[in-house]
Protein backbone atom coordinates (compact mmCIF):
# COMPACT_ATOMS: atom_id res chain seq x y z
CA MET A 1 -17.40 23.94 -8.72
CA SER A 2 -18.56 22.68 -12.70
CA PRO A 3 -16.49 20.18 -14.37
CA LEU A 4 -14.32 20.89 -17.03
CA PRO A 5 -15.68 20.84 -20.80
CA PRO A 6 -14.51 17.93 -23.01
CA GLY A 7 -11.24 18.90 -24.83
CA SER A 8 -9.92 21.15 -21.98
CA LEU A 9 -6.03 21.28 -21.85
CA LEU A 10 -4.96 20.97 -18.17
CA THR A 11 -1.43 21.76 -16.29
CA VAL A 12 -0.60 19.09 -13.81
CA SER A 13 2.27 18.30 -11.05
CA VAL A 14 3.73 15.84 -9.14
CA ASP A 15 5.26 15.74 -5.80
CA ALA A 16 8.60 13.70 -6.53
CA PRO A 17 9.69 13.64 -3.14
CA ARG A 18 5.74 12.47 -1.72
CA ARG A 19 5.42 10.04 -4.54
CA ALA A 20 9.14 8.59 -4.02
CA LEU A 21 8.24 7.94 -0.24
CA LEU A 22 4.70 6.49 -1.00
CA SER A 23 6.54 4.02 -4.09
CA ARG A 24 8.99 3.08 -1.19
CA ARG A 25 6.72 2.46 1.51
CA HIS A 26 4.30 0.38 -1.15
CA THR A 27 7.59 -1.51 -2.09
CA ALA A 28 8.27 -2.31 1.48
CA LEU A 29 4.33 -3.32 2.12
CA HIS A 30 4.95 -6.11 -1.04
CA ILE A 31 7.89 -7.21 1.49
CA VAL A 32 5.68 -7.50 4.35
CA ASN A 33 3.23 -9.85 2.78
CA THR A 34 5.98 -12.13 1.28
CA LEU A 35 7.50 -12.87 4.90
CA ALA A 36 4.15 -13.13 6.38
CA LEU A 37 3.02 -15.40 3.75
CA ARG A 38 6.03 -17.41 3.78
CA ASP A 39 6.65 -17.20 7.69
CA TYR A 40 3.41 -17.19 8.90
CA GLY A 41 0.68 -18.39 6.26
CA ALA A 42 -0.70 -15.06 6.05
CA TRP A 43 -1.97 -12.53 3.61
CA ILE A 44 -2.13 -9.05 4.04
CA THR A 45 -5.94 -8.83 3.02
CA GLY A 46 -6.01 -4.67 3.24
CA ALA A 47 -3.08 -2.02 3.54
CA GLN A 48 -3.43 1.48 3.28
CA ILE A 49 -0.15 3.43 2.89
CA GLY A 50 0.16 7.35 3.59
CA GLU A 51 2.89 9.28 4.42
CA ALA A 52 2.97 8.57 8.11
CA TYR A 53 2.57 5.02 7.97
CA ILE A 54 1.52 2.06 6.72
CA ARG A 55 -0.93 -0.27 7.68
CA GLY A 56 -2.13 -3.89 7.14
CA SER A 57 -4.71 -6.37 8.19
CA THR A 58 -3.62 -10.27 8.03
CA SER A 59 -5.52 -13.68 7.61
CA ARG A 60 -4.57 -16.78 8.67
CA LEU A 61 -4.30 -19.36 6.95
CA LYS A 62 -2.27 -21.26 8.67
CA THR A 63 -2.10 -22.17 12.81
CA THR A 64 1.17 -22.64 14.95
CA PRO A 65 1.03 -24.64 18.01
CA PRO A 66 0.30 -22.75 21.35
CA LEU A 67 3.41 -21.71 23.11
């Protein structure tokens, strides 16, 4: 496939249900990040948000006593 020449007109569309799903999951990840930081001193340092799942990596900043 060759690049489009400058000034080309395009027609695009947004998959609204998929966009809404990813938006909700993005918001949920912000909530999880806030709780992880507040309750465990852990930041989410990496994340993947997809249609089937959300994955987050954390970095622990403070320790808790052993059980």
